[in-house]
Protein backbone atom coordinates (compact mmCIF):
# COMPACT_ATOMS: atom_id res chain seq x y z
CA MET A 1 128.24 93.23 111.55
CA LYS A 2 131.75 94.65 111.93
CA ALA A 3 131.92 93.52 115.56
CA ARG A 4 130.95 89.97 114.56
CA THR A 5 133.52 89.95 111.77
CA ALA A 6 136.19 91.32 114.09
CA SER A 7 135.50 88.68 116.73
CA ILE A 8 135.57 85.89 114.12
CA LEU A 9 138.84 87.20 112.69
CA PHE A 10 140.37 87.48 116.15
CA ALA A 11 139.36 83.92 117.07
CA LEU A 12 140.67 82.56 113.78
CA SER A 13 143.94 84.48 114.03
CA VAL A 14 144.55 83.25 117.59
CA PHE A 15 143.77 79.71 116.50
CA ALA A 16 146.00 79.99 113.40
CA THR A 17 148.86 81.34 115.54
CA ASN A 18 148.46 78.45 117.96
CA MET A 19 148.41 75.97 115.07
CA GLU A 20 152.07 76.65 114.34
CA ALA A 21 153.02 74.83 117.55
CA ALA A 22 150.17 72.31 117.37
CA SER A 23 150.48 68.68 116.42
CA PRO A 24 148.69 67.27 113.34
CA ASP A 25 146.06 65.81 115.68
CA ASP A 26 145.07 69.37 116.69
CA ALA A 27 144.06 70.44 113.17
CA ILE A 28 141.00 72.62 112.59
CA ILE A 29 137.83 70.57 112.41
CA SER A 30 135.57 71.97 109.73
CA HIS A 31 131.82 71.74 109.94
CA ILE A 32 131.35 73.36 106.55
CA PRO A 33 130.19 70.69 104.08
CA ARG A 34 132.18 70.77 100.85
CA ASP A 35 130.92 69.49 97.50
CA ARG A 36 133.07 68.10 94.71
CA VAL A 37 133.60 70.39 91.73
CA GLN A 38 134.94 69.84 88.21
CA SER A 39 138.26 71.67 88.20
CA SER A 40 141.92 71.13 87.46
CA ALA A 41 142.97 72.74 90.77
CA LEU A 42 139.95 72.75 93.10
CA ALA A 43 138.59 69.47 94.45
CA LYS A 44 135.78 70.60 96.79
CA VAL A 45 134.06 73.85 97.73
CA GLY A 46 131.85 74.71 100.69
CA TYR A 47 130.22 77.86 102.06
CA SER A 48 128.70 79.04 105.33
CA LYS A 49 125.93 81.55 104.63
CA ARG A 50 125.71 82.49 108.29
CA LEU A 51 129.43 83.22 108.71
CA HIS A 52 130.26 84.18 105.09
CA LEU A 53 133.12 81.69 105.04
CA LEU A 54 134.23 80.00 101.83
CA GLU A 55 136.21 76.82 102.21
CA ILE A 56 138.19 75.39 99.30
CA GLU A 57 139.92 72.02 99.21
CA PHE A 58 142.52 71.83 96.46
CA VAL A 59 143.47 68.74 94.49
CA ASN A 60 146.81 68.69 96.35
CA GLY A 61 144.90 68.24 99.62
CA ALA A 62 145.37 71.75 101.03
CA ILE A 63 142.31 73.43 102.51
CA TYR A 64 141.90 77.18 102.89
CA ARG A 65 139.08 79.11 104.54
CA TYR A 66 138.34 82.56 103.08
CA LEU A 67 136.73 85.16 105.34
CA ASP A 68 133.93 87.67 104.61
CA VAL A 69 133.11 86.23 101.19
CA PRO A 70 129.72 87.42 99.88
CA PRO A 71 127.22 84.73 98.83
CA ASP A 72 127.27 85.91 95.21
CA VAL A 73 131.01 85.17 94.95
CA TYR A 74 130.34 81.60 96.07
CA ARG A 75 127.48 81.25 93.55
CA ASP A 76 129.63 82.72 90.77
CA LEU A 77 132.46 80.31 91.62
CA LEU A 78 130.13 77.34 91.33
CA ALA A 79 128.73 78.65 88.03
CA ALA A 80 132.13 79.48 86.50
CA LYS A 81 133.22 77.47 83.49
CA SER A 82 136.79 77.49 84.83
CA LYS A 83 136.68 77.40 88.61
CA ALA A 84 140.48 77.59 88.88
CA ARG A 85 140.55 80.76 86.76
CA PHE A 86 137.65 82.28 88.73
CA TYR A 87 139.48 81.47 91.97
CA ASP A 88 142.71 83.09 90.73
CA GLN A 89 140.95 86.24 89.50
CA ASN A 90 138.28 86.76 92.17
CA ILE A 91 139.19 85.01 95.43
CA ARG A 92 142.92 84.39 95.80
CA ALA A 93 144.61 87.42 97.39
CA LYS A 94 141.26 89.26 97.50
CA TYR A 95 139.99 87.82 100.81
CA ARG A 96 141.75 87.07 104.08
CA SER A 97 142.36 83.39 104.49
CA VAL A 98 143.17 80.81 107.13
CA HIS A 99 145.21 77.75 106.26
CA VAL A 100 143.12 74.82 107.51
CA ARG A 101 145.20 71.89 106.28
CA PRO A 102 148.54 71.77 104.41
CA ARG A 103 148.92 70.01 101.10
CA ARG A 104 149.73 66.32 101.04
CA LYS A 105 153.35 65.48 100.35
């Protein structure tokens, strides 16, 4: 499990480093389906059970992918009355993340 996680993190970190010099056409293509959620800050949420990746699209258009997120955290996020509060308290700064797409200007 740790070897798989390490290889995923390495691949994502290399890709994220290369993204700094990449053009907008070279953006990460996500294959994680995201569903709309009722929230003041979060627009869509998706999860890969196989890879334990949580992907969040914010209302400002930014998309972040969170690594090594357990399935119960994803379920609890979907069940939370305030998804923005749950995100702030349980996901943000608790899991490593990769910036998939910047916010719209």
